[in-house]
PDB file of N, CA and C in Angstrom:
ATOM      1  N   UNK A   1       8.979  -3.445 -16.205  1.00  0.00           N
ATOM      2  CA  UNK A   1       8.291  -3.646 -14.878  1.00  0.00           C
ATOM      3  C   UNK A   1       7.328  -2.003 -14.966  1.00  0.00           C
ATOM      4  N   UNK A   2       6.705  -2.596 -13.909  1.00  0.00           N
ATOM      5  CA  UNK A   2       5.245  -1.347 -14.083  1.00  0.00           C
ATOM      6  C   UNK A   2       4.357  -1.453 -12.943  1.00  0.00           C
ATOM      7  N   UNK A   3       4.392  -0.483 -11.673  1.00  0.00           N
ATOM      8  CA  UNK A   3       3.658  -0.755 -10.298  1.00  0.00           C
ATOM      9  C   UNK A   3       3.019   0.785 -10.863  1.00  0.00           C
ATOM     10  N   UNK A   4       1.506   0.335 -10.430  1.00  0.00           N
ATOM     11  CA  UNK A   4       1.067   1.823 -10.817  1.00  0.00           C
ATOM     12  C   UNK A   4      -0.443   2.038  -9.972  1.00  0.00           C
ATOM     13  N   UNK A   5       0.076   2.874  -8.575  1.00  0.00           N
ATOM     14  CA  UNK A   5      -1.097   3.110  -7.363  1.00  0.00           C
ATOM     15  C   UNK A   5      -1.988   3.691  -8.201  1.00  0.00           C
ATOM     16  N   UNK A   6      -3.381   3.851  -7.443  1.00  0.00           N
ATOM     17  CA  UNK A   6      -4.473   4.587  -7.672  1.00  0.00           C
ATOM     18  C   UNK A   6      -4.674   4.379  -6.247  1.00  0.00           C
ATOM     19  N   UNK A   7      -5.827   5.615  -6.479  1.00  0.00           N
ATOM     20  CA  UNK A   7      -6.789   5.139  -4.991  1.00  0.00           C
ATOM     21  C   UNK A   7      -6.427   6.564  -4.036  1.00  0.00           C
ATOM     22  N   UNK A   8      -5.845   7.610  -4.353  1.00  0.00           N
ATOM     23  CA  UNK A   8      -5.399   8.388  -3.074  1.00  0.00           C
ATOM     24  C   UNK A   8      -6.503   9.484  -3.276  1.00  0.00           C
ATOM     25  N   UNK A   9      -5.864  10.424  -2.418  1.00  0.00           N
ATOM     26  CA  UNK A   9      -6.915  11.773  -2.197  1.00  0.00           C
ATOM     27  C   UNK A   9      -7.546  11.911  -1.248  1.00  0.00           C
ATOM     28  N   UNK A  10      -8.046  12.952  -0.521  1.00  0.00           N
ATOM     29  CA  UNK A  10      -8.209  14.236   0.054  1.00  0.00           C
ATOM     30  C   UNK A  10      -9.448  13.587   1.158  1.00  0.00           C
ATOM     31  N   UNK A  11      -9.244  12.898   2.414  1.00  0.00           N
ATOM     32  CA  UNK A  11     -10.596  12.193   3.291  1.00  0.00           C
ATOM     33  C   UNK A  11     -10.210  12.667   4.402  1.00  0.00           C
ATOM     34  N   UNK A  12     -11.409  12.898   5.047  1.00  0.00           N
ATOM     35  CA  UNK A  12     -11.961  13.502   6.587  1.00  0.00           C
ATOM     36  C   UNK A  12     -11.439  12.335   7.239  1.00  0.00           C
ATOM     37  N   UNK A  13     -11.001  12.924   8.432  1.00  0.00           N
ATOM     38  CA  UNK A  13     -10.557  11.796   9.648  1.00  0.00           C
ATOM     39  C   UNK A  13     -11.746  11.060  10.189  1.00  0.00           C
ATOM     40  N   UNK A  14     -11.451   9.941   9.805  1.00  0.00           N
ATOM     41  CA  UNK A  14     -12.282   9.023  10.184  1.00  0.00           C
ATOM     42  C   UNK A  14     -13.157   8.468   8.812  1.00  0.00           C
ATOM     43  N   UNK A  15     -12.995   8.414   7.710  1.00  0.00           N
ATOM     44  CA  UNK A  15     -13.110   8.311   6.902  1.00  0.00           C
ATOM     45  C   UNK A  15     -12.443   6.911   6.315  1.00  0.00           C
ATOM     46  N   UNK A  16     -12.505   6.523   4.947  1.00  0.00           N
ATOM     47  CA  UNK A  16     -11.951   5.259   4.268  1.00  0.00           C
ATOM     48  C   UNK A  16     -11.120   5.703   3.412  1.00  0.00           C
ATOM     49  N   UNK A  17     -10.250   4.412   2.930  1.00  0.00           N
ATOM     50  CA  UNK A  17     -10.066   4.859   1.259  1.00  0.00           C
ATOM     51  C   UNK A  17      -9.619   3.348   0.817  1.00  0.00           C
ATOM     52  N   UNK A  18      -9.417   3.113  -0.397  1.00  0.00           N
ATOM     53  CA  UNK A  18      -8.973   1.989  -1.051  1.00  0.00           C
ATOM     54  C   UNK A  18      -7.810   2.161  -2.350  1.00  0.00           C
ATOM     55  N   UNK A  19      -6.695   2.102  -1.891  1.00  0.00           N
ATOM     56  CA  UNK A  19      -5.556   1.687  -2.485  1.00  0.00           C
ATOM     57  C   UNK A  19      -5.463   0.775  -3.186  1.00  0.00           C
ATOM     58  N   UNK A  20      -5.029   0.983  -4.687  1.00  0.00           N
ATOM     59  CA  UNK A  20      -4.881  -0.414  -5.262  1.00  0.00           C
ATOM     60  C   UNK A  20      -3.248  -0.264  -6.194  1.00  0.00           C
ATOM     61  N   UNK A  21      -2.677  -0.935  -6.579  1.00  0.00           N
ATOM     62  CA  UNK A  21      -1.429  -1.061  -7.065  1.00  0.00           C
ATOM     63  C   UNK A  21      -1.681  -2.071  -8.467  1.00  0.00           C
ATOM     64  N   UNK A  22      -1.466  -1.707  -9.598  1.00  0.00           N
ATOM     65  CA  UNK A  22      -1.651  -2.434 -10.510  1.00  0.00           C
ATOM     66  C   UNK A  22      -0.250  -2.539 -11.088  1.00  0.00           C
ATOM     67  N   UNK A  23      -0.103  -4.065 -11.315  1.00  0.00           N
ATOM     68  CA  UNK A  23       1.590  -4.535 -11.405  1.00  0.00           C
ATOM     69  C   UNK A  23       1.470  -5.182 -12.990  1.00  0.00           C
ATOM     70  N   UNK A  24       2.819  -4.850 -13.812  1.00  0.00           N
ATOM     71  CA  UNK A  24       2.827  -5.366 -14.522  1.00  0.00           C
ATOM     72  C   UNK A  24       4.366  -5.916 -15.162  1.00  0.00           C
ATOM     73  N   UNK A  25       4.902  -6.614 -15.914  1.00  0.00           N
ATOM     74  CA  UNK A  25       6.194  -6.678 -16.359  1.00  0.00           C
ATOM     75  C   UNK A  25       6.806  -7.564 -15.496  1.00  0.00           C
ATOM     76  N   UNK A  26       6.204  -8.596 -14.427  1.00  0.00           N
ATOM     77  CA  UNK A  26       7.116  -9.680 -13.863  1.00  0.00           C
ATOM     78  C   UNK A  26       5.944 -10.394 -13.786  1.00  0.00           C
ATOM     79  N   UNK A  27       6.599 -11.584 -12.660  1.00  0.00           N
ATOM     80  CA  UNK A  27       5.116 -12.525 -12.281  1.00  0.00           C
ATOM     81  C   UNK A  27       4.711 -12.362 -10.664  1.00  0.00           C
ATOM     82  N   UNK A  28       3.949 -11.803 -10.855  1.00  0.00           N
ATOM     83  CA  UNK A  28       3.436 -10.737  -9.835  1.00  0.00           C
ATOM     84  C   UNK A  28       3.067 -12.347  -8.520  1.00  0.00           C
ATOM     85  N   UNK A  29       2.522 -13.181  -9.032  1.00  0.00           N
ATOM     86  CA  UNK A  29       2.272 -14.263  -7.935  1.00  0.00           C
ATOM     87  C   UNK A  29       3.374 -14.704  -7.267  1.00  0.00           C
ATOM     88  N   UNK A  30       4.549 -14.442  -8.234  1.00  0.00           N
ATOM     89  CA  UNK A  30       5.861 -14.776  -7.147  1.00  0.00           C
ATOM     90  C   UNK A  30       6.764 -13.888  -6.057  1.00  0.00           C
ATOM     91  N   UNK A  31       6.186 -12.944  -6.236  1.00  0.00           N
ATOM     92  CA  UNK A  31       6.662 -11.712  -5.508  1.00  0.00           C
ATOM     93  C   UNK A  31       5.552 -11.473  -4.127  1.00  0.00           C
ATOM     94  N   UNK A  32       6.602 -10.898  -2.978  1.00  0.00           N
ATOM     95  CA  UNK A  32       5.765 -10.230  -2.112  1.00  0.00           C
ATOM     96  C   UNK A  32       5.783  -8.980  -2.395  1.00  0.00           C
ATOM     97  N   UNK A  33       4.153  -8.408  -1.950  1.00  0.00           N
ATOM     98  CA  UNK A  33       4.310  -7.199  -2.077  1.00  0.00           C
ATOM     99  C   UNK A  33       4.160  -6.282  -0.758  1.00  0.00           C
ATOM    100  N   UNK A  34       4.250  -5.015  -1.006  1.00  0.00           N
ATOM    101  CA  UNK A  34       4.103  -4.115   0.575  1.00  0.00           C
ATOM    102  C   UNK A  34       3.487  -3.083  -0.021  1.00  0.00           C
ATOM    103  N   UNK A  35       3.124  -2.265   1.173  1.00  0.00           N
ATOM    104  CA  UNK A  35       2.948  -0.895   1.009  1.00  0.00           C
ATOM    105  C   UNK A  35       3.631   0.010   1.723  1.00  0.00           C
ATOM    106  N   UNK A  36       4.271   0.981   1.341  1.00  0.00           N
ATOM    107  CA  UNK A  36       5.412   1.844   2.192  1.00  0.00           C
ATOM    108  C   UNK A  36       4.433   3.154   2.163  1.00  0.00           C
ATOM    109  N   UNK A  37       4.861   4.522   3.142  1.00  0.00           N
ATOM    110  CA  UNK A  37       4.457   5.348   3.359  1.00  0.00           C
ATOM    111  C   UNK A  37       5.496   6.740   3.492  1.00  0.00           C
ATOM    112  N   UNK A  38       5.621   7.692   3.376  1.00  0.00           N
ATOM    113  CA  UNK A  38       6.624   8.418   3.416  1.00  0.00           C
ATOM    114  C   UNK A  38       5.714   9.825   3.729  1.00  0.00           C
ATOM    115  N   UNK A  39       5.808  10.688   5.037  1.00  0.00           N
ATOM    116  CA  UNK A  39       5.178  11.573   5.127  1.00  0.00           C
ATOM    117  C   UNK A  39       6.099  12.706   5.252  1.00  0.00           C
ATOM    118  N   UNK A  40       6.186  14.365   4.598  1.00  0.00           N
ATOM    119  CA  UNK A  40       6.960  15.494   4.591  1.00  0.00           C
ATOM    120  C   UNK A  40       8.157  15.061   5.584  1.00  0.00           C
ATOM    121  N   UNK A  41       9.447  15.215   5.319  1.00  0.00           N
ATOM    122  CA  UNK A  41      10.731  15.440   6.077  1.00  0.00           C
ATOM    123  C   UNK A  41      10.689  13.768   7.347  1.00  0.00           C
ATOM    124  N   UNK A  42       9.875  13.227   6.467  1.00  0.00           N
ATOM    125  CA  UNK A  42      10.183  11.577   7.316  1.00  0.00           C
ATOM    126  C   UNK A  42      10.939  10.330   6.474  1.00  0.00           C
ATOM    127  N   UNK A  43      11.649   9.682   7.038  1.00  0.00           N
ATOM    128  CA  UNK A  43      11.603   8.430   6.138  1.00  0.00           C
ATOM    129  C   UNK A  43      10.745   7.508   5.841  1.00  0.00           C
ATOM    130  N   UNK A  44      10.656   6.884   4.818  1.00  0.00           N
ATOM    131  CA  UNK A  44       9.806   6.199   4.325  1.00  0.00           C
ATOM    132  C   UNK A  44       9.642   4.920   5.303  1.00  0.00           C
ATOM    133  N   UNK A  45       8.865   4.406   5.329  1.00  0.00           N
ATOM    134  CA  UNK A  45       7.851   3.136   6.713  1.00  0.00           C
ATOM    135  C   UNK A  45       7.202   2.469   6.169  1.00  0.00           C
ATOM    136  N   UNK A  46       7.319   1.379   6.684  1.00  0.00           N
ATOM    137  CA  UNK A  46       6.564  -0.079   6.125  1.00  0.00           C
ATOM    138  C   UNK A  46       5.206   0.208   6.651  1.00  0.00           C
ATOM    139  N   UNK A  47       4.389  -0.476   5.583  1.00  0.00           N
ATOM    140  CA  UNK A  47       3.061   0.353   6.088  1.00  0.00           C
ATOM    141  C   UNK A  47       2.151  -1.289   5.893  1.00  0.00           C
ATOM    142  N   UNK A  48       2.603  -2.174   5.265  1.00  0.00           N
ATOM    143  CA  UNK A  48       2.044  -3.496   5.416  1.00  0.00           C
ATOM    144  C   UNK A  48       2.281  -4.620   4.302  1.00  0.00           C
ATOM    145  N   UNK A  49       3.006  -4.990   4.636  1.00  0.00           N
ATOM    146  CA  UNK A  49       2.824  -6.880   3.650  1.00  0.00           C
ATOM    147  C   UNK A  49       2.437  -7.887   3.133  1.00  0.00           C
ATOM    148  N   UNK A  50       2.462  -8.465   2.401  1.00  0.00           N
ATOM    149  CA  UNK A  50       1.350  -9.659   2.159  1.00  0.00           C
ATOM    150  C   UNK A  50       2.420 -10.752   1.197  1.00  0.00           C
ATOM    151  N   UNK A  51       2.145 -11.845   1.658  1.00  0.00           N
ATOM    152  CA  UNK A  51       3.325 -12.600   0.738  1.00  0.00           C
ATOM    153  C   UNK A  51       2.933 -13.845  -0.445  1.00  0.00           C
ATOM    154  N   UNK A  52       3.665 -13.805  -1.716  1.00  0.00           N
ATOM    155  CA  UNK A  52       3.019 -14.250  -3.302  1.00  0.00           C
ATOM    156  C   UNK A  52       1.974 -15.018  -2.890  1.00  0.00           C
ATOM    157  N   UNK A  53       1.357 -16.019  -1.799  1.00  0.00           N
ATOM    158  CA  UNK A  53       0.229 -16.613  -1.508  1.00  0.00           C
ATOM    159  C   UNK A  53      -0.937 -15.507  -1.664  1.00  0.00           C
ATOM    160  N   UNK A  54      -0.428 -14.732  -0.615  1.00  0.00           N
ATOM    161  CA  UNK A  54      -1.625 -14.143   0.221  1.00  0.00           C
ATOM    162  C   UNK A  54      -1.987 -14.558   1.967  1.00  0.00           C
ATOM    163  N   UNK A  55      -1.244 -15.711   1.826  1.00  0.00           N
ATOM    164  CA  UNK A  55      -1.813 -16.432   2.880  1.00  0.00           C
ATOM    165  C   UNK A  55      -1.057 -15.872   4.383  1.00  0.00           C
ATOM    166  N   UNK A  56      -0.264 -14.804   4.263  1.00  0.00           N
ATOM    167  CA  UNK A  56       0.196 -14.422   5.597  1.00  0.00           C
ATOM    168  C   UNK A  56       0.472 -12.504   5.363  1.00  0.00           C
ATOM    169  N   UNK A  57       0.341 -11.936   6.158  1.00  0.00           N
ATOM    170  CA  UNK A  57       0.211 -10.575   5.969  1.00  0.00           C
ATOM    171  C   UNK A  57       0.768  -9.954   7.489  1.00  0.00           C
ATOM    172  N   UNK A  58       1.751  -8.843   7.502  1.00  0.00           N
ATOM    173  CA  UNK A  58       1.956  -8.323   8.820  1.00  0.00           C
ATOM    174  C   UNK A  58       1.829  -6.845   8.378  1.00  0.00           C
ATOM    175  N   UNK A  59       1.435  -6.084   9.807  1.00  0.00           N
ATOM    176  CA  UNK A  59       1.449  -4.651   9.456  1.00  0.00           C
ATOM    177  C   UNK A  59       2.232  -3.566  10.445  1.00  0.00           C
ATOM    178  N   UNK A  60       2.335  -2.717  10.297  1.00  0.00           N
ATOM    179  CA  UNK A  60       3.017  -1.674  11.091  1.00  0.00           C
ATOM    180  C   UNK A  60       2.064  -1.549  12.094  1.00  0.00           C
ATOM    181  N   UNK A  61       2.590  -1.608  13.568  1.00  0.00           N
ATOM    182  CA  UNK A  61       1.411  -1.044  14.624  1.00  0.00           C
ATOM    183  C   UNK A  61       0.477   0.008  14.689  1.00  0.00           C
ATOM    184  N   UNK A  62       1.431   0.807  13.765  1.00  0.00           N
ATOM    185  CA  UNK A  62       0.305   2.128  13.843  1.00  0.00           C
ATOM    186  C   UNK A  62      -1.167   1.975  12.928  1.00  0.00           C
ATOM    187  N   UNK A  63      -1.190   1.191  12.053  1.00  0.00           N
ATOM    188  CA  UNK A  63      -2.513   0.644  11.664  1.00  0.00           C
ATOM    189  C   UNK A  63      -2.877  -0.739  11.652  1.00  0.00           C
ATOM    190  N   UNK A  64      -2.125  -1.234  12.623  1.00  0.00           N
ATOM    191  CA  UNK A  64      -3.150  -2.442  13.008  1.00  0.00           C
ATOM    192  C   UNK A  64      -4.740  -2.197  13.647  1.00  0.00           C
ATOM    193  N   UNK A  65      -5.285  -2.873  12.903  1.00  0.00           N
ATOM    194  CA  UNK A  65      -7.178  -3.047  12.949  1.00  0.00           C
ATOM    195  C   UNK A  65      -7.701  -1.759  12.206  1.00  0.00           C
ATOM    196  N   UNK A  66      -6.815  -1.409  11.442  1.00  0.00           N
ATOM    197  CA  UNK A  66      -7.352  -0.421  10.630  1.00  0.00           C
ATOM    198  C   UNK A  66      -7.580  -0.516   9.168  1.00  0.00           C
ATOM    199  N   UNK A  67      -5.782  -0.769   8.813  1.00  0.00           N
ATOM    200  CA  UNK A  67      -5.768  -1.231   7.560  1.00  0.00           C
ATOM    201  C   UNK A  67      -5.644  -2.530   7.165  1.00  0.00           C
ATOM    202  N   UNK A  68      -6.124  -2.844   6.079  1.00  0.00           N
ATOM    203  CA  UNK A  68      -6.146  -4.414   5.415  1.00  0.00           C
ATOM    204  C   UNK A  68      -5.501  -4.577   3.939  1.00  0.00           C
ATOM    205  N   UNK A  69      -4.076  -5.172   4.008  1.00  0.00           N
ATOM    206  CA  UNK A  69      -3.716  -5.555   2.836  1.00  0.00           C
ATOM    207  C   UNK A  69      -4.212  -7.180   1.985  1.00  0.00           C
ATOM    208  N   UNK A  70      -4.016  -6.790   0.712  1.00  0.00           N
ATOM    209  CA  UNK A  70      -4.729  -8.035  -0.027  1.00  0.00           C
ATOM    210  C   UNK A  70      -4.591  -7.885  -1.507  1.00  0.00           C
ATOM    211  N   UNK A  71      -4.610  -9.313  -1.604  1.00  0.00           N
ATOM    212  CA  UNK A  71      -3.779  -8.954  -3.467  1.00  0.00           C
ATOM    213  C   UNK A  71      -5.083  -9.929  -4.241  1.00  0.00           C
ATOM    214  N   UNK A  72      -4.954  -9.925  -5.630  1.00  0.00           N
ATOM    215  CA  UNK A  72      -5.656 -10.812  -6.390  1.00  0.00           C
ATOM    216  C   UNK A  72      -4.422 -10.603  -7.702  1.00  0.00           C
ATOM    217  N   UNK A  73      -3.927 -12.451  -7.355  1.00  0.00           N
ATOM    218  CA  UNK A  73      -3.032 -12.515  -8.492  1.00  0.00           C
ATOM    219  C   UNK A  73      -3.680 -12.467  -9.829  1.00  0.00           C
ATOM    220  N   UNK A  74      -5.020 -12.999 -10.187  1.00  0.00           N
ATOM    221  CA  UNK A  74      -5.504 -13.264 -11.078  1.00  0.00           C
ATOM    222  C   UNK A  74      -5.444 -11.869 -11.958  1.00  0.00           C
ATOM    223  N   UNK A  75      -5.754 -10.682 -11.093  1.00  0.00           N
ATOM    224  CA  UNK A  75      -5.476  -9.264 -12.063  1.00  0.00           C
ATOM    225  C   UNK A  75      -4.370  -8.521 -11.698  1.00  0.00           C
ATOM    226  N   UNK A  76      -3.082  -9.504 -11.093  1.00  0.00           N
ATOM    227  CA  UNK A  76      -1.747  -8.761 -10.704  1.00  0.00           C
ATOM    228  C   UNK A  76      -1.799  -7.315  -9.716  1.00  0.00           C
ATOM    229  N   UNK A  77      -3.051  -7.151  -9.258  1.00  0.00           N
ATOM    230  CA  UNK A  77      -3.079  -5.971  -8.386  1.00  0.00           C
ATOM    231  C   UNK A  77      -2.809  -6.583  -6.994  1.00  0.00           C
ATOM    232  N   UNK A  78      -2.395  -5.672  -5.923  1.00  0.00           N
ATOM    233  CA  UNK A  78      -2.744  -5.468  -4.721  1.00  0.00           C
ATOM    234  C   UNK A  78      -3.498  -4.523  -4.251  1.00  0.00           C
ATOM    235  N   UNK A  79      -4.435  -4.163  -3.214  1.00  0.00           N
ATOM    236  CA  UNK A  79      -4.899  -3.177  -2.387  1.00  0.00           C
ATOM    237  C   UNK A  79      -4.323  -3.267  -0.831  1.00  0.00           C
ATOM    238  N   UNK A  80      -4.991  -1.815  -0.751  1.00  0.00           N
ATOM    239  CA  UNK A  80      -4.665  -1.627   0.719  1.00  0.00           C
ATOM    240  C   UNK A  80      -5.869  -0.610   1.001  1.00  0.00           C
ATOM    241  N   UNK A  81      -6.816  -1.474   1.927  1.00  0.00           N
ATOM    242  CA  UNK A  81      -8.188  -0.817   2.278  1.00  0.00           C
ATOM    243  C   UNK A  81      -7.660  -0.075   3.904  1.00  0.00           C
ATOM    244  N   UNK A  82      -7.880   1.200   3.875  1.00  0.00           N
ATOM    245  CA  UNK A  82      -7.557   1.951   4.997  1.00  0.00           C
ATOM    246  C   UNK A  82      -9.111   2.549   5.923  1.00  0.00           C
ATOM    247  N   UNK A  83      -9.405   1.919   6.742  1.00  0.00           N
ATOM    248  CA  UNK A  83     -10.342   2.420   7.502  1.00  0.00           C
ATOM    249  C   UNK A  83      -9.988   3.401   8.874  1.00  0.00           C
ATOM    250  N   UNK A  84     -10.746   3.869   9.120  1.00  0.00           N
ATOM    251  CA  UNK A  84     -10.646   5.050  10.536  1.00  0.00           C
ATOM    252  C   UNK A  84      -9.874   6.177  10.167  1.00  0.00           C
ATOM    253  N   UNK A  85      -9.504   6.431   8.878  1.00  0.00           N
ATOM    254  CA  UNK A  85      -7.968   7.002   8.367  1.00  0.00           C
ATOM    255  C   UNK A  85      -7.678   8.518   9.657  1.00  0.00           C
ATOM    256  N   UNK A  86      -7.031   8.522  10.141  1.00  0.00           N
ATOM    257  CA  UNK A  86      -6.726   9.688  10.939  1.00  0.00           C
ATOM    258  C   UNK A  86      -5.409  11.063  10.076  1.00  0.00           C
ATOM    259  N   UNK A  87      -5.450  12.302  10.711  1.00  0.00           N
ATOM    260  CA  UNK A  87      -4.439  12.962  10.266  1.00  0.00           C
ATOM    261  C   UNK A  87      -2.543  12.943   9.729  1.00  0.00           C
ATOM    262  N   UNK A  88      -2.135  11.312  10.917  1.00  0.00           N
ATOM    263  CA  UNK A  88      -1.160  11.332  10.625  1.00  0.00           C
ATOM    264  C   UNK A  88      -0.747   9.967  10.177  1.00  0.00           C
ATOM    265  N   UNK A  89      -1.954   9.468   9.295  1.00  0.00           N
ATOM    266  CA  UNK A  89      -1.763   8.620   8.152  1.00  0.00           C
ATOM    267  C   UNK A  89      -1.588   9.742   6.790  1.00  0.00           C
ATOM    268  N   UNK A  90      -1.530  10.987   6.652  1.00  0.00           N
ATOM    269  CA  UNK A  90      -0.983  11.699   5.503  1.00  0.00           C
ATOM    270  C   UNK A  90       0.598  11.526   5.098  1.00  0.00           C
ATOM    271  N   UNK A  91       0.463  10.971   3.919  1.00  0.00           N
ATOM    272  CA  UNK A  91       1.879  10.396   3.365  1.00  0.00           C
ATOM    273  C   UNK A  91       1.616  10.520   1.821  1.00  0.00           C
ATOM    274  N   UNK A  92       2.598  10.059   1.163  1.00  0.00           N
ATOM    275  CA  UNK A  92       2.675   9.324  -0.394  1.00  0.00           C
ATOM    276  C   UNK A  92       2.642   7.909  -0.184  1.00  0.00           C
ATOM    277  N   UNK A  93       2.184   7.231  -0.251  1.00  0.00           N
ATOM    278  CA  UNK A  93       1.873   5.490  -0.291  1.00  0.00           C
ATOM    279  C   UNK A  93       2.605   5.091  -1.779  1.00  0.00           C
ATOM    280  N   UNK A  94       3.615   4.723  -1.648  1.00  0.00           N
ATOM    281  CA  UNK A  94       4.024   3.571  -2.344  1.00  0.00           C
ATOM    282  C   UNK A  94       4.044   1.947  -2.259  1.00  0.00           C
ATOM    283  N   UNK A  95       3.746   1.778  -3.783  1.00  0.00           N
ATOM    284  CA  UNK A  95       3.548   0.173  -3.867  1.00  0.00           C
ATOM    285  C   UNK A  95       4.944  -0.744  -4.041  1.00  0.00           C
ATOM    286  N   UNK A  96       5.510  -1.623  -3.730  1.00  0.00           N
ATOM    287  CA  UNK A  96       6.976  -2.521  -3.787  1.00  0.00           C
ATOM    288  C   UNK A  96       6.389  -4.082  -3.814  1.00  0.00           C
ATOM    289  N   UNK A  97       7.402  -4.143  -5.018  1.00  0.00           N
ATOM    290  CA  UNK A  97       7.270  -5.903  -4.991  1.00  0.00           C
ATOM    291  C   UNK A  97       8.947  -6.515  -4.740  1.00  0.00           C
ATOM    292  N   UNK A  98       8.881  -6.984  -4.268  1.00  0.00           N
ATOM    293  CA  UNK A  98      10.358  -7.760  -3.932  1.00  0.00           C
ATOM    294  C   UNK A  98      10.141  -9.538  -4.021  1.00  0.00           C
ATOM    295  N   UNK A  99      11.330  -9.396  -4.818  1.00  0.00           N
ATOM    296  CA  UNK A  99      11.951 -11.248  -4.626  1.00  0.00           C
ATOM    297  C   UNK A  99      13.121 -11.285  -4.998  1.00  0.00           C
ATOM    298  N   UNK A 100      13.641 -11.387  -5.566  1.00  0.00           N
ATOM    299  CA  UNK A 100      15.145 -11.089  -5.726  1.00  0.00           C
ATOM    300  C   UNK A 100      15.862  -9.436  -6.072  1.00  0.00           C
ATOM    301  N   UNK A 101      14.898  -8.985  -6.539  1.00  0.00           N
ATOM    302  CA  UNK A 101      14.823  -7.501  -6.800  1.00  0.00           C
ATOM    303  C   UNK A 101      13.281  -6.807  -6.276  1.00  0.00           C
ATOM    304  N   UNK A 102      13.690  -5.381  -6.326  1.00  0.00           N
ATOM    305  CA  UNK A 102      12.635  -4.394  -5.556  1.00  0.00           C
ATOM    306  C   UNK A 102      12.051  -3.560  -6.357  1.00  0.00           C
ATOM    307  N   UNK A 103      11.185  -3.881  -7.092  1.00  0.00           N
ATOM    308  CA  UNK A 103      10.698  -2.589  -7.383  1.00  0.00           C
ATOM    309  C   UNK A 103       9.475  -1.640  -6.718  1.00  0.00           C
ATOM    310  N   UNK A 104       9.683  -0.491  -7.676  1.00  0.00           N
ATOM    311  CA  UNK A 104       8.539   0.743  -6.832  1.00  0.00           C
ATOM    312  C   UNK A 104       7.619   1.348  -7.697  1.00  0.00           C
ATOM    313  N   UNK A 105       6.299   1.938  -7.185  1.00  0.00           N
ATOM    314  CA  UNK A 105       5.659   2.625  -7.715  1.00  0.00           C
ATOM    315  C   UNK A 105       6.192   3.689  -7.789  1.00  0.00           C
ATOM    316  N   UNK A 106       5.163   4.481  -8.679  1.00  0.00           N
ATOM    317  CA  UNK A 106       5.627   6.268  -7.977  1.00  0.00           C
ATOM    318  C   UNK A 106       4.761   7.071  -7.021  1.00  0.00           C
ATOM    319  N   UNK A 107       4.138   5.983  -6.523  1.00  0.00           N
ATOM    320  CA  UNK A 107       3.367   6.941  -5.321  1.00  0.00           C
ATOM    321  C   UNK A 107       1.966   7.466  -5.697  1.00  0.00           C
ATOM    322  N   UNK A 108       1.492   7.377  -4.402  1.00  0.00           N
ATOM    323  CA  UNK A 108      -0.215   8.347  -4.389  1.00  0.00           C
ATOM    324  C   UNK A 108       0.023   8.729  -3.294  1.00  0.00           C
ATOM    325  N   UNK A 109      -0.799  10.114  -3.456  1.00  0.00           N
ATOM    326  CA  UNK A 109      -0.604  11.389  -2.364  1.00  0.00           C
ATOM    327  C   UNK A 109      -2.302  10.552  -1.702  1.00  0.00           C
ATOM    328  N   UNK A 110      -2.541  10.592  -0.347  1.00  0.00           N
ATOM    329  CA  UNK A 110      -3.161  10.482   0.705  1.00  0.00           C
ATOM    330  C   UNK A 110      -3.219  11.499   1.699  1.00  0.00           C
ATOM    331  N   UNK A 111      -4.122  12.269   1.635  1.00  0.00           N
ATOM    332  CA  UNK A 111      -4.134  13.344   2.925  1.00  0.00           C
ATOM    333  C   UNK A 111      -5.643  13.210   3.710  1.00  0.00           C
ATOM    334  N   UNK A 112      -5.142  13.112   4.962  1.00  0.00           N
ATOM    335  CA  UNK A 112      -6.283  13.167   5.735  1.00  0.00           C
ATOM    336  C   UNK A 112      -6.477  14.328   6.598  1.00  0.00           C
ATOM    337  N   UNK A 113      -7.584  14.961   6.315  1.00  0.00           N
ATOM    338  CA  UNK A 113      -7.689  16.587   7.184  1.00  0.00           C
ATOM    339  C   UNK A 113      -9.315  17.079   7.023  1.00  0.00           C
ATOM    340  N   UNK A 114      -9.333  17.352   7.623  1.00  0.00           N
ATOM    341  CA  UNK A 114     -10.947  18.162   8.040  1.00  0.00           C
ATOM    342  C   UNK A 114     -11.217  19.463   7.519  1.00  0.00           C
TER     343      UNK A 114
END
């Protein structure tokens, strides 16, 4: 099983980034997918989640209206479009797959700073 995140980096406040998570080694279309983040000195928190079919999503209050989670089951990939980024969005972002088990990616750093 592999979850490989990409798309992180340094961006100015108000900017945008699109994270991707490429999955392999399991039946991607059967799993709900989530993005979590962990800032230095803080606990890991759920950012956004999407069910296996893509028909339902949910978001942390702190990112509602700014972030969008989506998935392409044909490409075994989940995305996180992040707009209007704020310094407090700075964190390592992790992709997670959940059904009976939970799988995690290695994370990608997002830094929002001027």
